[in-house]
PDB file of all heavy atoms in Angstrom:
ATOM      1  N   ILE A   1       0.839  -1.212   0.000  1.00  0.00           N
ATOM      2  CA  ILE A   1       0.000  -0.001   0.000  1.00  0.00           C
ATOM      3  C   ILE A   1       0.868   1.252   0.001  1.00  0.00           C
ATOM      4  O   ILE A   1       0.564   2.244  -0.670  1.00  0.00           O
ATOM      5  CB  ILE A   1      -0.939  -0.017   1.225  1.00  0.00           C
ATOM      6  CG1 ILE A   1      -2.005  -1.104   1.038  1.00  0.00           C
ATOM      7  CG2 ILE A   1      -1.612   1.325   1.443  1.00  0.00           C
ATOM      8  CD1 ILE A   1      -2.832  -1.362   2.267  1.00  0.00           C
ATOM      9  N   ALA A   2       2.010   1.184   0.762  1.00  0.00           N
ATOM     10  CA  ALA A   2       2.904   2.347   0.797  1.00  0.00           C
ATOM     11  C   ALA A   2       3.479   2.623  -0.596  1.00  0.00           C
ATOM     12  O   ALA A   2       3.559   3.786  -1.034  1.00  0.00           O
ATOM     13  CB  ALA A   2       4.032   2.102   1.797  1.00  0.00           C
ATOM     14  N   ALA A   3       3.885   1.522  -1.307  1.00  0.00           N
ATOM     15  CA  ALA A   3       4.421   1.704  -2.649  1.00  0.00           C
ATOM     16  C   ALA A   3       3.350   2.270  -3.588  1.00  0.00           C
ATOM     17  O   ALA A   3       3.619   3.179  -4.388  1.00  0.00           O
ATOM     18  CB  ALA A   3       4.921   0.355  -3.175  1.00  0.00           C
ATOM     19  N   LYS A   4       2.125   1.762  -3.454  1.00  0.00           N
ATOM     20  CA  LYS A   4       1.038   2.272  -4.296  1.00  0.00           C
ATOM     21  C   LYS A   4       0.721   3.735  -3.980  1.00  0.00           C
ATOM     22  O   LYS A   4       0.422   4.529  -4.865  1.00  0.00           O
ATOM     23  CB  LYS A   4      -0.209   1.414  -4.114  1.00  0.00           C
ATOM     24  CG  LYS A   4      -0.097   0.046  -4.771  1.00  0.00           C
ATOM     25  CD  LYS A   4      -1.393  -0.729  -4.628  1.00  0.00           C
ATOM     26  CE  LYS A   4      -1.293  -2.082  -5.325  1.00  0.00           C
ATOM     27  NZ  LYS A   4      -2.535  -2.863  -5.208  1.00  0.00           N
ATOM     28  N   GLU A   5       0.817   4.088  -2.675  1.00  0.00           N
ATOM     29  CA  GLU A   5       0.551   5.479  -2.288  1.00  0.00           C
ATOM     30  C   GLU A   5       1.579   6.427  -2.897  1.00  0.00           C
ATOM     31  O   GLU A   5       1.241   7.536  -3.335  1.00  0.00           O
ATOM     32  CB  GLU A   5       0.539   5.613  -0.766  1.00  0.00           C
ATOM     33  CG  GLU A   5      -0.714   5.042  -0.122  1.00  0.00           C
ATOM     34  CD  GLU A   5      -0.680   5.165   1.387  1.00  0.00           C
ATOM     35  OE1 GLU A   5       0.391   5.535   1.919  1.00  0.00           O
ATOM     36  OE2 GLU A   5      -1.709   4.879   2.038  1.00  0.00           O
ATOM     37  N   ALA A   6       2.859   5.974  -2.930  1.00  0.00           N
ATOM     38  CA  ALA A   6       3.900   6.807  -3.546  1.00  0.00           C
ATOM     39  C   ALA A   6       3.625   6.997  -5.032  1.00  0.00           C
ATOM     40  O   ALA A   6       3.743   8.113  -5.576  1.00  0.00           O
ATOM     41  CB  ALA A   6       5.274   6.153  -3.335  1.00  0.00           C
ATOM     42  N   TYR A   7       3.213   5.894  -5.670  1.00  0.00           N
ATOM     43  CA  TYR A   7       2.888   5.986  -7.087  1.00  0.00           C
ATOM     44  C   TYR A   7       1.686   6.900  -7.315  1.00  0.00           C
ATOM     45  O   TYR A   7       1.673   7.733  -8.237  1.00  0.00           O
ATOM     46  CB  TYR A   7       2.618   4.579  -7.622  1.00  0.00           C
ATOM     47  CG  TYR A   7       2.152   4.557  -9.054  1.00  0.00           C
ATOM     48  CD1 TYR A   7       3.055   4.772 -10.111  1.00  0.00           C
ATOM     49  CD2 TYR A   7       0.810   4.328  -9.359  1.00  0.00           C
ATOM     50  CE1 TYR A   7       2.623   4.762 -11.421  1.00  0.00           C
ATOM     51  CE2 TYR A   7       0.373   4.327 -10.668  1.00  0.00           C
ATOM     52  CZ  TYR A   7       1.280   4.532 -11.691  1.00  0.00           C
ATOM     53  OH  TYR A   7       0.836   4.529 -13.001  1.00  0.00           O
ATOM     54  N   LEU A   8       0.693   6.740  -6.446  1.00  0.00           N
ATOM     55  CA  LEU A   8      -0.498   7.575  -6.561  1.00  0.00           C
ATOM     56  C   LEU A   8      -0.173   9.045  -6.308  1.00  0.00           C
ATOM     57  O   LEU A   8      -0.754   9.921  -6.953  1.00  0.00           O
ATOM     58  CB  LEU A   8      -1.572   7.105  -5.556  1.00  0.00           C
ATOM     59  CG  LEU A   8      -2.248   5.764  -5.879  1.00  0.00           C
ATOM     60  CD1 LEU A   8      -3.156   5.347  -4.735  1.00  0.00           C
ATOM     61  CD2 LEU A   8      -3.057   5.855  -7.174  1.00  0.00           C
ATOM     62  N   LYS A   9       0.777   9.313  -5.366  1.00  0.00           N
ATOM     63  CA  LYS A   9       1.159  10.707  -5.091  1.00  0.00           C
ATOM     64  C   LYS A   9       1.782  11.343  -6.334  1.00  0.00           C
ATOM     65  O   LYS A   9       1.457  12.494  -6.707  1.00  0.00           O
ATOM     66  CB  LYS A   9       2.164  10.738  -3.926  1.00  0.00           C
ATOM     67  CG  LYS A   9       2.549  12.128  -3.450  1.00  0.00           C
ATOM     68  CD  LYS A   9       1.368  12.795  -2.777  1.00  0.00           C
ATOM     69  CE  LYS A   9       1.800  14.101  -2.129  1.00  0.00           C
ATOM     70  NZ  LYS A   9       2.263  15.106  -3.067  1.00  0.00           N
ATOM     71  N   LYS A  10       2.676  10.561  -6.991  1.00  0.00           N
ATOM     72  CA  LYS A  10       3.296  11.052  -8.204  1.00  0.00           C
ATOM     73  C   LYS A  10       2.254  11.308  -9.289  1.00  0.00           C
ATOM     74  O   LYS A  10       2.262  12.334  -9.983  1.00  0.00           O
ATOM     75  CB  LYS A  10       4.337  10.034  -8.682  1.00  0.00           C
ATOM     76  CG  LYS A  10       5.074  10.433  -9.946  1.00  0.00           C
ATOM     77  CD  LYS A  10       6.065   9.365 -10.328  1.00  0.00           C
ATOM     78  CE  LYS A  10       6.779   9.735 -11.648  1.00  0.00           C
ATOM     79  NZ  LYS A  10       7.716   8.669 -12.064  1.00  0.00           N
ATOM     80  N   TYR A  11       1.303  10.363  -9.412  1.00  0.00           N
ATOM     81  CA  TYR A  11       0.257  10.488 -10.434  1.00  0.00           C
ATOM     82  C   TYR A  11      -0.673  11.658 -10.121  1.00  0.00           C
ATOM     83  O   TYR A  11      -1.114  12.389 -11.022  1.00  0.00           O
ATOM     84  CB  TYR A  11      -0.533   9.172 -10.492  1.00  0.00           C
ATOM     85  CG  TYR A  11      -1.424   9.065 -11.694  1.00  0.00           C
ATOM     86  CD1 TYR A  11      -0.890   8.855 -12.964  1.00  0.00           C
ATOM     87  CD2 TYR A  11      -2.797   9.178 -11.559  1.00  0.00           C
ATOM     88  CE1 TYR A  11      -1.713   8.748 -14.072  1.00  0.00           C
ATOM     89  CE2 TYR A  11      -3.632   9.084 -12.666  1.00  0.00           C
ATOM     90  CZ  TYR A  11      -3.077   8.864 -13.922  1.00  0.00           C
ATOM     91  OH  TYR A  11      -3.885   8.777 -15.019  1.00  0.00           O
ATOM     92  N   GLU A  12      -0.928  11.881  -8.830  1.00  0.00           N
ATOM     93  CA  GLU A  12      -1.780  13.007  -8.427  1.00  0.00           C
ATOM     94  C   GLU A  12      -1.114  14.339  -8.757  1.00  0.00           C
ATOM     95  O   GLU A  12      -1.778  15.291  -9.174  1.00  0.00           O
ATOM     96  CB  GLU A  12      -2.090  12.925  -6.939  1.00  0.00           C
ATOM     97  CG  GLU A  12      -3.120  11.863  -6.592  1.00  0.00           C
ATOM     98  CD  GLU A  12      -3.337  11.739  -5.102  1.00  0.00           C
ATOM     99  OE1 GLU A  12      -2.613  12.446  -4.349  1.00  0.00           O
ATOM    100  OE2 GLU A  12      -4.195  10.939  -4.685  1.00  0.00           O
ATOM    101  N   ASP A  13       0.208  14.418  -8.541  1.00  0.00           N
ATOM    102  CA  ASP A  13       0.919  15.664  -8.888  1.00  0.00           C
ATOM    103  C   ASP A  13       0.816  15.931 -10.391  1.00  0.00           C
ATOM    104  O   ASP A  13       0.605  17.085 -10.810  1.00  0.00           O
ATOM    105  CB  ASP A  13       2.395  15.549  -8.472  1.00  0.00           C
ATOM    106  CG  ASP A  13       2.542  15.489  -6.963  1.00  0.00           C
ATOM    107  OD1 ASP A  13       1.604  15.933  -6.268  1.00  0.00           O
ATOM    108  OD2 ASP A  13       3.570  14.968  -6.481  1.00  0.00           O
ATOM    109  N   MET A  14       0.993  14.876 -11.171  1.00  0.00           N
ATOM    110  CA  MET A  14       0.887  15.046 -12.611  1.00  0.00           C
ATOM    111  C   MET A  14      -0.525  15.495 -12.998  1.00  0.00           C
ATOM    112  O   MET A  14      -0.710  16.382 -13.837  1.00  0.00           O
ATOM    113  CB  MET A  14       1.240  13.722 -13.305  1.00  0.00           C
ATOM    114  CG  MET A  14       1.229  13.793 -14.836  1.00  0.00           C
ATOM    115  SD  MET A  14       1.733  12.241 -15.573  1.00  0.00           S
ATOM    116  CE  MET A  14       0.375  11.205 -15.114  1.00  0.00           C
ATOM    117  N   LEU A  15      -1.556  14.885 -12.364  1.00  0.00           N
ATOM    118  CA  LEU A  15      -2.937  15.275 -12.640  1.00  0.00           C
ATOM    119  C   LEU A  15      -3.209  16.717 -12.226  1.00  0.00           C
ATOM    120  O   LEU A  15      -3.943  17.450 -12.896  1.00  0.00           O
ATOM    121  CB  LEU A  15      -3.904  14.340 -11.909  1.00  0.00           C
ATOM    122  CG  LEU A  15      -4.024  12.911 -12.456  1.00  0.00           C
ATOM    123  CD1 LEU A  15      -4.936  12.075 -11.574  1.00  0.00           C
ATOM    124  CD2 LEU A  15      -4.568  12.924 -13.878  1.00  0.00           C
ATOM    125  N   ALA A  16      -2.602  17.140 -11.085  1.00  0.00           N
ATOM    126  CA  ALA A  16      -2.804  18.517 -10.626  1.00  0.00           C
ATOM    127  C   ALA A  16      -2.220  19.504 -11.625  1.00  0.00           C
ATOM    128  O   ALA A  16      -2.811  20.559 -11.910  1.00  0.00           O
ATOM    129  CB  ALA A  16      -2.162  18.699  -9.254  1.00  0.00           C
ATOM    130  N   LYS A  17      -1.018  19.167 -12.184  1.00  0.00           N
ATOM    131  CA  LYS A  17      -0.412  20.036 -13.185  1.00  0.00           C
ATOM    132  C   LYS A  17      -1.307  20.146 -14.426  1.00  0.00           C
ATOM    133  O   LYS A  17      -1.562  21.246 -14.939  1.00  0.00           O
ATOM    134  CB  LYS A  17       0.954  19.467 -13.566  1.00  0.00           C
ATOM    135  CG  LYS A  17       1.718  20.330 -14.565  1.00  0.00           C
ATOM    136  CD  LYS A  17       3.063  19.713 -14.870  1.00  0.00           C
ATOM    137  CE  LYS A  17       3.815  20.569 -15.911  1.00  0.00           C
ATOM    138  NZ  LYS A  17       5.115  19.959 -16.247  1.00  0.00           N
ATOM    139  N   LYS A  18      -1.813  18.986 -14.887  1.00  0.00           N
ATOM    140  CA  LYS A  18      -2.699  18.999 -16.050  1.00  0.00           C
ATOM    141  C   LYS A  18      -3.979  19.765 -15.750  1.00  0.00           C
ATOM    142  O   LYS A  18      -4.509  20.479 -16.603  1.00  0.00           O
ATOM    143  CB  LYS A  18      -3.028  17.569 -16.463  1.00  0.00           C
ATOM    144  CG  LYS A  18      -1.860  16.833 -17.093  1.00  0.00           C
ATOM    145  CD  LYS A  18      -2.286  15.450 -17.559  1.00  0.00           C
ATOM    146  CE  LYS A  18      -1.140  14.727 -18.253  1.00  0.00           C
ATOM    147  NZ  LYS A  18      -1.526  13.377 -18.710  1.00  0.00           N
ATOM    148  N   LYS A  19      -4.436  19.634 -14.507  1.00  0.00           N
ATOM    149  CA  LYS A  19      -5.653  20.334 -14.116  1.00  0.00           C
ATOM    150  C   LYS A  19      -5.458  21.841 -14.171  1.00  0.00           C
ATOM    151  O   LYS A  19      -6.342  22.585 -14.614  1.00  0.00           O
ATOM    152  CB  LYS A  19      -6.057  19.894 -12.707  1.00  0.00           C
ATOM    153  CG  LYS A  19      -7.396  20.443 -12.255  1.00  0.00           C
ATOM    154  CD  LYS A  19      -7.760  19.903 -10.894  1.00  0.00           C
ATOM    155  CE  LYS A  19      -9.106  20.467 -10.433  1.00  0.00           C
ATOM    156  NZ  LYS A  19      -9.464  19.957  -9.098  1.00  0.00           N
ATOM    157  N   ARG A  20      -4.260  22.327 -13.674  1.00  0.00           N
ATOM    158  CA  ARG A  20      -3.971  23.764 -13.723  1.00  0.00           C
ATOM    159  C   ARG A  20      -3.952  24.260 -15.159  1.00  0.00           C
ATOM    160  O   ARG A  20      -4.506  25.321 -15.486  1.00  0.00           O
ATOM    161  CB  ARG A  20      -2.629  24.058 -13.039  1.00  0.00           C
ATOM    162  CG  ARG A  20      -2.678  24.018 -11.530  1.00  0.00           C
ATOM    163  CD  ARG A  20      -1.443  24.662 -10.941  1.00  0.00           C
ATOM    164  NE  ARG A  20      -0.214  23.996 -11.379  1.00  0.00           N
ATOM    165  CZ  ARG A  20       0.327  22.942 -10.779  1.00  0.00           C
ATOM    166  NH1 ARG A  20      -0.252  22.417  -9.703  1.00  0.00           N
ATOM    167  NH2 ARG A  20       1.433  22.395 -11.230  1.00  0.00           N
ATOM    168  N   GLU A  21      -3.288  23.465 -16.036  1.00  0.00           N
ATOM    169  CA  GLU A  21      -3.235  23.869 -17.445  1.00  0.00           C
ATOM    170  C   GLU A  21      -4.646  23.929 -18.052  1.00  0.00           C
ATOM    171  O   GLU A  21      -4.989  24.870 -18.771  1.00  0.00           O
ATOM    172  CB  GLU A  21      -2.368  22.872 -18.218  1.00  0.00           C
ATOM    173  CG  GLU A  21      -0.896  22.921 -17.821  1.00  0.00           C
ATOM    174  CD  GLU A  21      -0.089  21.841 -18.524  1.00  0.00           C
ATOM    175  OE1 GLU A  21      -0.717  21.006 -19.225  1.00  0.00           O
ATOM    176  OE2 GLU A  21       1.154  21.821 -18.373  1.00  0.00           O
ATOM    177  N   LYS A  22      -5.465  22.912 -17.731  1.00  0.00           N
ATOM    178  CA  LYS A  22      -6.827  22.907 -18.261  1.00  0.00           C
ATOM    179  C   LYS A  22      -7.647  24.051 -17.704  1.00  0.00           C
ATOM    180  O   LYS A  22      -8.454  24.653 -18.404  1.00  0.00           O
ATOM    181  CB  LYS A  22      -7.495  21.570 -17.949  1.00  0.00           C
ATOM    182  CG  LYS A  22      -6.961  20.421 -18.770  1.00  0.00           C
ATOM    183  CD  LYS A  22      -7.703  19.131 -18.471  1.00  0.00           C
ATOM    184  CE  LYS A  22      -7.161  17.988 -19.330  1.00  0.00           C
ATOM    185  NZ  LYS A  22      -7.847  16.717 -19.045  1.00  0.00           N
ATOM    186  N   ASN A  23      -7.425  24.381 -16.410  1.00  0.00           N
ATOM    187  CA  ASN A  23      -8.158  25.498 -15.806  1.00  0.00           C
ATOM    188  C   ASN A  23      -7.805  26.818 -16.484  1.00  0.00           C
ATOM    189  O   ASN A  23      -8.675  27.671 -16.705  1.00  0.00           O
ATOM    190  CB  ASN A  23      -7.870  25.577 -14.313  1.00  0.00           C
ATOM    191  CG  ASN A  23      -8.554  24.462 -13.538  1.00  0.00           C
ATOM    192  OD1 ASN A  23      -9.565  23.928 -13.986  1.00  0.00           O
ATOM    193  ND2 ASN A  23      -8.006  24.099 -12.389  1.00  0.00           N
ATOM    194  N   GLU A  24      -6.477  26.996 -16.789  1.00  0.00           N
ATOM    195  CA  GLU A  24      -6.070  28.218 -17.487  1.00  0.00           C
ATOM    196  C   GLU A  24      -6.716  28.296 -18.867  1.00  0.00           C
ATOM    197  O   GLU A  24      -7.205  29.349 -19.293  1.00  0.00           O
ATOM    198  CB  GLU A  24      -4.543  28.238 -17.617  1.00  0.00           C
ATOM    199  CG  GLU A  24      -3.835  28.442 -16.280  1.00  0.00           C
ATOM    200  CD  GLU A  24      -2.324  28.349 -16.414  1.00  0.00           C
ATOM    201  OE1 GLU A  24      -1.855  28.070 -17.553  1.00  0.00           O
ATOM    202  OE2 GLU A  24      -1.614  28.529 -15.414  1.00  0.00           O
TER     203      GLU A  24
END
């Protein structure tokens, strides 16, 4: 679960960046 959480954290950061670009 810890390994998956790290992967999910990385994926969430990438999604947040894409979200900011889409919001702009």
